[in-house]
Amino acid sequence: MEKEKGSNNKKVMVAIDESESTYYALMWVLDNLKEWVTNSPLVIFSAQPSPKIWYAYAGLIGSTSMYSLVSPTMELSSIAQERNKKVSLGLLEKAKKICASRGVKVETITEAGDPKELICNVVKTYNISLLVLGYNEGGALKRAFMGSQSSYCLTNANCPVLVVKKPQKKDSKSKSSHPR
């Protein structure tokens, strides 16, 4: 009986964005962690990335070209933040509908800032027991310069982190990758 009581306190959080991999992770949780998400609300988080709007200004001085990065106006920044908020709220609404169709109650959270830092902060603030992320192959170059969100969360989140990778479709025409 005590085990059942303890399981009610376990919270699972899925971080979502516009990528297909995060929705796959959400569906994976709904299919594979039914006991956890039916005993307490599933927490779904979507970050509102800070707008990174810079544009280059070019000018000619005699025969010399000069280029300068110009930061956005406050109005343009505000418009971008509002757009990011609407996108995040829309993503959360879509996730809520998916969960409701499965009879799962959800708690949604959205905040503005760097997604990987926000995810770890929300994990701590809301006492999350398990963080679930979708695996997104952003490419080696992106990971080398920016780092991956999942790597950051694996290192910094105050709970276990499950990274769900969508299986690749098997191509009947492709050769086996195993050496003979």
N, C-alpha and C. Protein backbone atom coordinates (compact mmCIF):
# COMPACT_ATOMS: atom_id res chain seq x y z
N MET A 1 0.82 -1.20 0.00
CA MET A 1 0.00 0.00 0.00
C MET A 1 0.87 1.26 0.00
N GLU A 2 1.99 1.19 0.76
CA GLU A 2 2.86 2.36 0.83
C GLU A 2 3.49 2.67 -0.52
N LYS A 3 3.77 1.62 -1.30
CA LYS A 3 4.34 1.82 -2.62
C LYS A 3 3.40 2.61 -3.52
N GLU A 4 2.10 2.28 -3.45
CA GLU A 4 1.12 3.00 -4.26
C GLU A 4 1.06 4.47 -3.85
N LYS A 5 1.11 4.72 -2.55
CA LYS A 5 1.06 6.10 -2.08
C LYS A 5 2.26 6.89 -2.58
N GLY A 6 3.46 6.27 -2.57
CA GLY A 6 4.67 6.94 -3.02
C GLY A 6 4.64 7.24 -4.51
N SER A 7 3.99 6.38 -5.30
CA SER A 7 3.98 6.59 -6.74
C SER A 7 3.16 7.82 -7.13
N ASN A 8 2.23 8.26 -6.26
CA ASN A 8 1.44 9.45 -6.56
C ASN A 8 2.29 10.71 -6.56
N ASN A 9 3.43 10.67 -5.88
CA ASN A 9 4.28 11.85 -5.79
C ASN A 9 5.26 11.96 -6.95
N LYS A 10 5.36 10.94 -7.78
CA LYS A 10 6.31 10.96 -8.88
C LYS A 10 5.72 11.74 -10.04
N LYS A 11 6.49 12.72 -10.48
CA LYS A 11 6.05 13.53 -11.61
C LYS A 11 6.95 13.29 -12.80
N VAL A 12 6.33 13.10 -13.95
CA VAL A 12 7.05 12.96 -15.20
C VAL A 12 6.86 14.26 -15.98
N MET A 13 7.95 14.76 -16.55
CA MET A 13 7.86 15.96 -17.38
C MET A 13 8.41 15.65 -18.77
N VAL A 14 7.66 16.07 -19.78
CA VAL A 14 8.09 15.96 -21.16
C VAL A 14 8.30 17.38 -21.68
N ALA A 15 9.49 17.63 -22.22
CA ALA A 15 9.77 18.93 -22.83
C ALA A 15 9.48 18.83 -24.32
N ILE A 16 8.64 19.76 -24.81
CA ILE A 16 8.27 19.70 -26.23
C ILE A 16 8.67 20.98 -26.95
N ASP A 17 8.84 20.84 -28.24
CA ASP A 17 9.05 21.98 -29.12
C ASP A 17 8.39 21.64 -30.45
N GLU A 18 8.78 22.30 -31.52
CA GLU A 18 8.13 22.06 -32.80
C GLU A 18 8.59 20.80 -33.51
N SER A 19 9.60 20.13 -32.97
CA SER A 19 10.16 18.97 -33.66
C SER A 19 9.30 17.72 -33.50
N GLU A 20 9.38 16.87 -34.48
CA GLU A 20 8.64 15.60 -34.47
C GLU A 20 9.14 14.71 -33.33
N SER A 21 10.43 14.82 -33.01
CA SER A 21 11.01 13.94 -31.99
C SER A 21 10.41 14.16 -30.61
N THR A 22 10.01 15.40 -30.29
CA THR A 22 9.44 15.64 -28.97
C THR A 22 8.02 15.07 -28.86
N TYR A 23 7.28 15.11 -29.96
CA TYR A 23 5.94 14.51 -29.94
C TYR A 23 6.04 12.99 -29.90
N TYR A 24 7.07 12.44 -30.53
CA TYR A 24 7.30 11.00 -30.43
C TYR A 24 7.58 10.63 -28.97
N ALA A 25 8.38 11.45 -28.29
CA ALA A 25 8.70 11.21 -26.88
C ALA A 25 7.42 11.28 -26.03
N LEU A 26 6.55 12.24 -26.31
CA LEU A 26 5.28 12.35 -25.58
C LEU A 26 4.44 11.09 -25.78
N MET A 27 4.33 10.64 -27.01
CA MET A 27 3.55 9.43 -27.30
C MET A 27 4.18 8.21 -26.62
N TRP A 28 5.51 8.17 -26.58
CA TRP A 28 6.21 7.07 -25.93
C TRP A 28 5.85 7.04 -24.44
N VAL A 29 5.84 8.19 -23.81
CA VAL A 29 5.47 8.28 -22.39
C VAL A 29 4.05 7.79 -22.19
N LEU A 30 3.13 8.24 -23.02
CA LEU A 30 1.72 7.84 -22.88
C LEU A 30 1.55 6.33 -23.07
N ASP A 31 2.36 5.74 -23.94
CA ASP A 31 2.26 4.30 -24.20
C ASP A 31 3.00 3.45 -23.16
N ASN A 32 4.11 3.95 -22.63
CA ASN A 32 4.99 3.12 -21.81
C ASN A 32 5.05 3.46 -20.33
N LEU A 33 4.59 4.63 -19.95
CA LEU A 33 4.63 5.03 -18.54
C LEU A 33 3.22 5.33 -18.03
N LYS A 34 2.27 4.51 -18.43
CA LYS A 34 0.86 4.74 -18.10
C LYS A 34 0.62 4.87 -16.59
N GLU A 35 1.26 4.00 -15.80
CA GLU A 35 1.03 4.04 -14.35
C GLU A 35 1.51 5.36 -13.76
N TRP A 36 2.64 5.85 -14.20
CA TRP A 36 3.17 7.10 -13.66
C TRP A 36 2.28 8.27 -14.03
N VAL A 37 1.81 8.32 -15.27
CA VAL A 37 1.07 9.51 -15.72
C VAL A 37 -0.42 9.44 -15.42
N THR A 38 -0.91 8.32 -14.95
CA THR A 38 -2.31 8.28 -14.54
C THR A 38 -2.46 8.55 -13.04
N ASN A 39 -1.39 8.35 -12.28
CA ASN A 39 -1.43 8.59 -10.83
C ASN A 39 -1.15 10.03 -10.45
N SER A 40 -0.50 10.77 -11.30
CA SER A 40 -0.26 12.21 -11.05
C SER A 40 -0.21 12.89 -12.41
N PRO A 41 -0.50 14.19 -12.44
CA PRO A 41 -0.54 14.87 -13.73
C PRO A 41 0.82 14.81 -14.45
N LEU A 42 0.75 14.63 -15.74
CA LEU A 42 1.94 14.70 -16.59
C LEU A 42 2.27 16.17 -16.79
N VAL A 43 3.51 16.54 -16.57
CA VAL A 43 3.93 17.93 -16.75
C VAL A 43 4.51 18.06 -18.15
N ILE A 44 3.98 19.02 -18.89
CA ILE A 44 4.48 19.28 -20.24
C ILE A 44 5.02 20.70 -20.28
N PHE A 45 6.26 20.80 -20.73
CA PHE A 45 6.96 22.09 -20.74
C PHE A 45 7.34 22.47 -22.16
N SER A 46 7.13 23.75 -22.47
CA SER A 46 7.58 24.30 -23.75
C SER A 46 8.26 25.63 -23.49
N ALA A 47 9.48 25.76 -23.95
CA ALA A 47 10.24 27.00 -23.76
C ALA A 47 9.90 28.00 -24.85
N GLN A 48 9.98 29.25 -24.48
CA GLN A 48 9.84 30.34 -25.44
C GLN A 48 11.26 30.90 -25.64
N PRO A 49 11.95 30.46 -26.69
CA PRO A 49 13.33 30.92 -26.87
C PRO A 49 13.40 32.44 -26.97
N SER A 50 14.46 32.99 -26.41
CA SER A 50 14.67 34.43 -26.52
C SER A 50 14.89 34.78 -27.98
N PRO A 51 14.29 35.87 -28.43
CA PRO A 51 14.47 36.23 -29.84
C PRO A 51 15.92 36.59 -30.11
N LYS A 52 16.43 36.03 -31.19
CA LYS A 52 17.80 36.34 -31.61
C LYS A 52 17.70 36.99 -32.98
N ILE A 53 17.32 38.22 -32.97
CA ILE A 53 17.10 38.94 -34.22
C ILE A 53 18.20 39.97 -34.38
N TRP A 54 19.08 39.70 -35.25
CA TRP A 54 20.14 40.64 -35.58
C TRP A 54 20.14 40.79 -37.10
N TYR A 55 20.45 41.94 -37.57
CA TYR A 55 20.55 42.09 -39.00
C TYR A 55 21.81 42.89 -39.30
N ALA A 56 22.30 42.65 -40.51
CA ALA A 56 23.53 43.33 -40.92
C ALA A 56 23.19 44.60 -41.66
N TYR A 57 23.94 45.61 -41.40
CA TYR A 57 23.79 46.87 -42.09
C TYR A 57 25.06 47.06 -42.91
N ALA A 58 24.90 47.31 -44.19
CA ALA A 58 26.05 47.49 -45.07
C ALA A 58 26.04 48.91 -45.62
N GLY A 59 27.19 49.47 -45.74
CA GLY A 59 27.30 50.82 -46.28
C GLY A 59 28.60 50.98 -47.04
N LEU A 60 28.58 51.87 -47.97
CA LEU A 60 29.79 52.15 -48.75
C LEU A 60 30.38 53.48 -48.32
N ILE A 61 31.66 53.47 -48.08
CA ILE A 61 32.39 54.70 -47.81
C ILE A 61 33.49 54.74 -48.86
N GLY A 62 33.27 55.54 -49.88
CA GLY A 62 34.22 55.55 -51.00
C GLY A 62 34.17 54.20 -51.69
N SER A 63 35.32 53.54 -51.78
CA SER A 63 35.37 52.22 -52.41
C SER A 63 35.41 51.10 -51.38
N THR A 64 35.22 51.44 -50.12
CA THR A 64 35.27 50.45 -49.05
C THR A 64 33.86 50.11 -48.56
N SER A 65 33.60 48.82 -48.43
CA SER A 65 32.31 48.37 -47.88
C SER A 65 32.47 48.16 -46.39
N MET A 66 31.50 48.62 -45.61
CA MET A 66 31.52 48.42 -44.17
C MET A 66 30.26 47.66 -43.77
N TYR A 67 30.43 46.70 -42.90
CA TYR A 67 29.31 45.91 -42.41
C TYR A 67 29.26 46.03 -40.90
N SER A 68 28.05 46.09 -40.38
CA SER A 68 27.89 46.19 -38.94
C SER A 68 26.62 45.43 -38.53
N LEU A 69 26.73 44.69 -37.43
CA LEU A 69 25.54 44.03 -36.90
C LEU A 69 24.76 45.04 -36.08
N VAL A 70 23.46 45.06 -36.27
CA VAL A 70 22.60 46.00 -35.58
C VAL A 70 21.59 45.20 -34.76
N SER A 71 21.42 45.59 -33.52
CA SER A 71 20.46 44.88 -32.68
C SER A 71 19.05 45.36 -32.99
N PRO A 72 18.06 44.54 -32.70
CA PRO A 72 16.68 44.91 -33.00
C PRO A 72 16.17 46.00 -32.05
N THR A 73 15.15 46.67 -32.49
CA THR A 73 14.50 47.66 -31.63
C THR A 73 13.71 46.92 -30.56
N MET A 74 13.34 47.62 -29.52
CA MET A 74 12.53 47.01 -28.46
C MET A 74 11.20 46.51 -29.02
N GLU A 75 10.64 47.27 -29.95
CA GLU A 75 9.35 46.88 -30.54
C GLU A 75 9.48 45.56 -31.30
N LEU A 76 10.54 45.43 -32.09
CA LEU A 76 10.75 44.21 -32.86
C LEU A 76 11.00 43.03 -31.92
N SER A 77 11.77 43.26 -30.87
CA SER A 77 12.02 42.22 -29.86
C SER A 77 10.72 41.79 -29.19
N SER A 78 9.88 42.75 -28.86
CA SER A 78 8.61 42.47 -28.21
C SER A 78 7.69 41.66 -29.12
N ILE A 79 7.68 42.00 -30.39
CA ILE A 79 6.86 41.27 -31.37
C ILE A 79 7.33 39.82 -31.47
N ALA A 80 8.66 39.62 -31.51
CA ALA A 80 9.21 38.27 -31.60
C ALA A 80 8.90 37.47 -30.34
N GLN A 81 9.00 38.09 -29.17
CA GLN A 81 8.69 37.40 -27.91
C GLN A 81 7.22 36.98 -27.87
N GLU A 82 6.34 37.86 -28.32
CA GLU A 82 4.91 37.55 -28.35
C GLU A 82 4.63 36.38 -29.30
N ARG A 83 5.29 36.38 -30.45
CA ARG A 83 5.14 35.29 -31.41
C ARG A 83 5.62 33.97 -30.80
N ASN A 84 6.79 33.99 -30.12
CA ASN A 84 7.31 32.78 -29.48
C ASN A 84 6.36 32.27 -28.41
N LYS A 85 5.74 33.18 -27.68
CA LYS A 85 4.78 32.79 -26.65
C LYS A 85 3.57 32.11 -27.27
N LYS A 86 3.05 32.67 -28.37
CA LYS A 86 1.90 32.07 -29.06
C LYS A 86 2.23 30.68 -29.58
N VAL A 87 3.44 30.52 -30.12
CA VAL A 87 3.86 29.21 -30.63
C VAL A 87 3.92 28.21 -29.49
N SER A 88 4.53 28.59 -28.37
CA SER A 88 4.63 27.70 -27.21
C SER A 88 3.26 27.32 -26.67
N LEU A 89 2.36 28.28 -26.56
CA LEU A 89 1.01 27.99 -26.08
C LEU A 89 0.27 27.05 -27.03
N GLY A 90 0.49 27.23 -28.32
CA GLY A 90 -0.11 26.34 -29.32
C GLY A 90 0.42 24.92 -29.21
N LEU A 91 1.73 24.79 -28.99
CA LEU A 91 2.33 23.47 -28.82
C LEU A 91 1.77 22.77 -27.58
N LEU A 92 1.63 23.53 -26.50
CA LEU A 92 1.09 22.96 -25.27
C LEU A 92 -0.36 22.54 -25.44
N GLU A 93 -1.13 23.35 -26.17
CA GLU A 93 -2.54 23.02 -26.41
C GLU A 93 -2.65 21.72 -27.21
N LYS A 94 -1.82 21.56 -28.22
CA LYS A 94 -1.81 20.33 -29.02
C LYS A 94 -1.47 19.12 -28.14
N ALA A 95 -0.46 19.27 -27.28
CA ALA A 95 -0.06 18.19 -26.38
C ALA A 95 -1.18 17.86 -25.39
N LYS A 96 -1.87 18.89 -24.87
CA LYS A 96 -2.99 18.66 -23.94
C LYS A 96 -4.09 17.84 -24.61
N LYS A 97 -4.39 18.14 -25.85
CA LYS A 97 -5.43 17.39 -26.57
C LYS A 97 -5.03 15.93 -26.76
N ILE A 98 -3.77 15.71 -27.09
CA ILE A 98 -3.27 14.33 -27.25
C ILE A 98 -3.44 13.57 -25.93
N CYS A 99 -3.04 14.20 -24.84
CA CYS A 99 -3.12 13.56 -23.52
C CYS A 99 -4.57 13.34 -23.10
N ALA A 100 -5.43 14.33 -23.34
CA ALA A 100 -6.84 14.21 -22.98
C ALA A 100 -7.49 13.04 -23.73
N SER A 101 -7.09 12.83 -24.98
CA SER A 101 -7.65 11.72 -25.75
C SER A 101 -7.25 10.37 -25.16
N ARG A 102 -6.21 10.36 -24.34
CA ARG A 102 -5.76 9.14 -23.67
C ARG A 102 -6.18 9.10 -22.20
N GLY A 103 -6.95 10.11 -21.76
CA GLY A 103 -7.42 10.15 -20.39
C GLY A 103 -6.34 10.56 -19.38
N VAL A 104 -5.34 11.28 -19.83
CA VAL A 104 -4.24 11.69 -18.95
C VAL A 104 -4.37 13.18 -18.65
N LYS A 105 -4.33 13.50 -17.36
CA LYS A 105 -4.37 14.91 -16.95
C LYS A 105 -2.98 15.51 -17.08
N VAL A 106 -2.94 16.77 -17.49
CA VAL A 106 -1.65 17.42 -17.68
C VAL A 106 -1.58 18.76 -16.96
N GLU A 107 -0.38 19.14 -16.67
CA GLU A 107 -0.07 20.47 -16.16
C GLU A 107 0.91 21.06 -17.16
N THR A 108 0.59 22.21 -17.72
CA THR A 108 1.46 22.80 -18.74
C THR A 108 2.22 24.00 -18.17
N ILE A 109 3.45 24.14 -18.64
CA ILE A 109 4.31 25.23 -18.20
C ILE A 109 5.04 25.78 -19.41
N THR A 110 5.12 27.10 -19.49
CA THR A 110 5.94 27.73 -20.51
C THR A 110 6.64 28.93 -19.88
N GLU A 111 7.89 29.11 -20.24
CA GLU A 111 8.68 30.24 -19.77
C GLU A 111 9.58 30.71 -20.90
N ALA A 112 10.03 31.95 -20.80
CA ALA A 112 10.89 32.52 -21.83
C ALA A 112 12.35 32.45 -21.40
N GLY A 113 13.22 32.09 -22.34
CA GLY A 113 14.65 32.04 -22.07
C GLY A 113 15.31 30.91 -22.82
N ASP A 114 16.51 30.55 -22.38
CA ASP A 114 17.27 29.47 -22.99
C ASP A 114 16.61 28.13 -22.63
N PRO A 115 16.14 27.37 -23.62
CA PRO A 115 15.38 26.15 -23.33
C PRO A 115 16.08 25.17 -22.40
N LYS A 116 17.35 24.88 -22.63
CA LYS A 116 18.00 23.86 -21.80
C LYS A 116 18.13 24.31 -20.35
N GLU A 117 18.40 25.58 -20.11
CA GLU A 117 18.47 26.07 -18.73
C GLU A 117 17.10 26.09 -18.08
N LEU A 118 16.09 26.51 -18.85
CA LEU A 118 14.73 26.54 -18.31
C LEU A 118 14.24 25.15 -17.93
N ILE A 119 14.53 24.17 -18.76
CA ILE A 119 14.10 22.79 -18.48
C ILE A 119 14.65 22.34 -17.13
N CYS A 120 15.94 22.57 -16.91
CA CYS A 120 16.57 22.15 -15.65
C CYS A 120 16.01 22.93 -14.46
N ASN A 121 15.71 24.21 -14.65
CA ASN A 121 15.11 25.00 -13.57
C ASN A 121 13.71 24.51 -13.22
N VAL A 122 12.92 24.19 -14.23
CA VAL A 122 11.55 23.70 -13.99
C VAL A 122 11.59 22.34 -13.30
N VAL A 123 12.54 21.49 -13.69
CA VAL A 123 12.70 20.18 -13.04
C VAL A 123 12.90 20.37 -11.54
N LYS A 124 13.74 21.31 -11.19
CA LYS A 124 14.04 21.56 -9.77
C LYS A 124 12.83 22.20 -9.06
N THR A 125 12.26 23.22 -9.67
CA THR A 125 11.14 23.96 -9.07
C THR A 125 9.92 23.08 -8.83
N TYR A 126 9.60 22.22 -9.77
CA TYR A 126 8.39 21.41 -9.70
C TYR A 126 8.63 20.00 -9.17
N ASN A 127 9.82 19.74 -8.64
CA ASN A 127 10.14 18.43 -8.08
C ASN A 127 9.86 17.29 -9.04
N ILE A 128 10.36 17.39 -10.24
CA ILE A 128 10.13 16.38 -11.27
C ILE A 128 10.94 15.13 -10.95
N SER A 129 10.33 13.96 -11.10
CA SER A 129 11.00 12.68 -10.82
C SER A 129 11.68 12.09 -12.04
N LEU A 130 11.15 12.40 -13.23
CA LEU A 130 11.71 11.88 -14.48
C LEU A 130 11.49 12.90 -15.58
N LEU A 131 12.56 13.27 -16.24
CA LEU A 131 12.51 14.19 -17.38
C LEU A 131 12.63 13.38 -18.66
N VAL A 132 11.71 13.61 -19.60
CA VAL A 132 11.73 12.89 -20.87
C VAL A 132 11.94 13.90 -21.99
N LEU A 133 12.94 13.62 -22.82
CA LEU A 133 13.27 14.48 -23.96
C LEU A 133 13.25 13.65 -25.23
N GLY A 134 12.91 14.28 -26.32
CA GLY A 134 13.02 13.64 -27.62
C GLY A 134 14.42 13.81 -28.14
N TYR A 135 14.92 12.79 -28.82
CA TYR A 135 16.27 12.86 -29.40
C TYR A 135 16.17 13.52 -30.77
N ASN A 136 16.85 14.62 -30.92
CA ASN A 136 16.82 15.35 -32.18
C ASN A 136 18.21 15.39 -32.75
N GLU A 137 18.40 14.77 -33.89
CA GLU A 137 19.72 14.76 -34.52
C GLU A 137 19.94 16.11 -35.20
N GLY A 138 20.57 17.02 -34.49
CA GLY A 138 20.82 18.35 -35.02
C GLY A 138 22.06 18.42 -35.88
N GLY A 139 22.82 17.35 -35.94
CA GLY A 139 24.04 17.35 -36.72
C GLY A 139 25.26 17.60 -35.84
N ALA A 140 26.38 17.05 -36.27
CA ALA A 140 27.61 17.13 -35.48
C ALA A 140 28.10 18.57 -35.33
N LEU A 141 27.97 19.37 -36.36
CA LEU A 141 28.45 20.75 -36.29
C LEU A 141 27.66 21.56 -35.27
N LYS A 142 26.35 21.42 -35.28
CA LYS A 142 25.52 22.14 -34.31
C LYS A 142 25.86 21.71 -32.88
N ARG A 143 26.00 20.39 -32.67
CA ARG A 143 26.32 19.90 -31.33
C ARG A 143 27.69 20.38 -30.88
N ALA A 144 28.65 20.45 -31.81
CA ALA A 144 30.01 20.88 -31.45
C ALA A 144 30.03 22.33 -30.99
N PHE A 145 29.28 23.20 -31.65
CA PHE A 145 29.30 24.62 -31.31
C PHE A 145 28.30 25.00 -30.23
N MET A 146 27.13 24.42 -30.27
CA MET A 146 26.06 24.83 -29.34
C MET A 146 25.82 23.82 -28.23
N GLY A 147 26.28 22.59 -28.40
CA GLY A 147 25.97 21.55 -27.44
C GLY A 147 24.55 21.09 -27.65
N SER A 148 24.25 19.91 -27.18
CA SER A 148 22.88 19.43 -27.37
C SER A 148 22.08 19.68 -26.10
N GLN A 149 20.82 19.90 -26.29
CA GLN A 149 19.89 20.12 -25.17
C GLN A 149 19.88 18.90 -24.26
N SER A 150 19.84 17.71 -24.85
CA SER A 150 19.78 16.50 -24.04
C SER A 150 21.07 16.31 -23.24
N SER A 151 22.23 16.61 -23.82
CA SER A 151 23.49 16.50 -23.09
C SER A 151 23.51 17.45 -21.91
N TYR A 152 23.05 18.66 -22.12
CA TYR A 152 23.02 19.65 -21.04
C TYR A 152 22.11 19.16 -19.91
N CYS A 153 20.94 18.66 -20.27
CA CYS A 153 19.98 18.20 -19.26
C CYS A 153 20.48 16.95 -18.54
N LEU A 154 21.14 16.05 -19.26
CA LEU A 154 21.71 14.86 -18.63
C LEU A 154 22.71 15.25 -17.54
N THR A 155 23.45 16.31 -17.79
CA THR A 155 24.47 16.77 -16.85
C THR A 155 23.89 17.61 -15.72
N ASN A 156 22.88 18.44 -16.00
CA ASN A 156 22.43 19.45 -15.04
C ASN A 156 21.07 19.24 -14.39
N ALA A 157 20.24 18.36 -14.91
CA ALA A 157 18.91 18.15 -14.32
C ALA A 157 19.04 17.40 -13.00
N ASN A 158 18.18 17.73 -12.05
CA ASN A 158 18.19 17.11 -10.72
C ASN A 158 17.31 15.87 -10.65
N CYS A 159 17.23 15.13 -11.75
CA CYS A 159 16.44 13.90 -11.76
C CYS A 159 16.96 13.03 -12.91
N PRO A 160 16.51 11.78 -12.95
CA PRO A 160 16.88 10.95 -14.11
C PRO A 160 16.31 11.56 -15.40
N VAL A 161 17.06 11.40 -16.48
CA VAL A 161 16.66 11.93 -17.79
C VAL A 161 16.57 10.76 -18.76
N LEU A 162 15.42 10.68 -19.43
CA LEU A 162 15.21 9.65 -20.45
C LEU A 162 15.15 10.35 -21.80
N VAL A 163 16.05 9.96 -22.69
CA VAL A 163 16.06 10.53 -24.04
C VAL A 163 15.48 9.47 -24.96
N VAL A 164 14.36 9.81 -25.60
CA VAL A 164 13.64 8.86 -26.45
C VAL A 164 14.00 9.14 -27.91
N LYS A 165 14.53 8.13 -28.56
CA LYS A 165 14.93 8.26 -29.96
C LYS A 165 13.91 7.52 -30.83
N LYS A 166 13.43 8.21 -31.83
CA LYS A 166 12.47 7.60 -32.76
C LYS A 166 13.23 6.59 -33.62
N PRO A 167 12.71 5.36 -33.71
CA PRO A 167 13.40 4.37 -34.54
C PRO A 167 13.45 4.82 -36.00
N GLN A 168 14.57 4.52 -36.63
CA GLN A 168 14.70 4.86 -38.04
C GLN A 168 13.94 3.85 -38.87
N LYS A 169 13.35 4.34 -39.95
CA LYS A 169 12.64 3.44 -40.85
C LYS A 169 13.66 2.60 -41.59
N LYS A 170 13.38 1.31 -41.67
CA LYS A 170 14.29 0.42 -42.38
C LYS A 170 13.99 0.48 -43.86
N ASP A 171 15.01 0.74 -44.63
CA ASP A 171 14.89 0.82 -46.08
C ASP A 171 15.25 -0.54 -46.66
N SER A 172 14.31 -1.14 -47.37
CA SER A 172 14.53 -2.48 -47.91
C SER A 172 15.64 -2.49 -48.95
N LYS A 173 15.94 -1.34 -49.56
CA LYS A 173 16.96 -1.26 -50.59
C LYS A 173 18.36 -1.07 -50.01
N SER A 174 18.45 -0.62 -48.77
CA SER A 174 19.78 -0.34 -48.21
C SER A 174 20.48 -1.62 -47.82
N LYS A 175 21.80 -1.57 -47.90
CA LYS A 175 22.62 -2.73 -47.54
C LYS A 175 22.78 -2.78 -46.04
N SER A 176 23.07 -3.95 -45.57
CA SER A 176 23.30 -4.13 -44.13
C SER A 176 24.51 -3.33 -43.71
N SER A 177 24.43 -2.71 -42.53
CA SER A 177 25.54 -1.91 -42.04
C SER A 177 26.56 -2.76 -41.28
N HIS A 178 26.26 -4.07 -41.13
CA HIS A 178 27.17 -4.95 -40.42
C HIS A 178 28.23 -5.50 -41.38
N PRO A 179 29.51 -5.40 -41.00
CA PRO A 179 30.56 -5.96 -41.88
C PRO A 179 30.44 -7.48 -41.91
N ARG A 180 30.82 -8.05 -43.00
CA ARG A 180 30.73 -9.52 -43.14
C ARG A 180 32.08 -10.14 -42.97
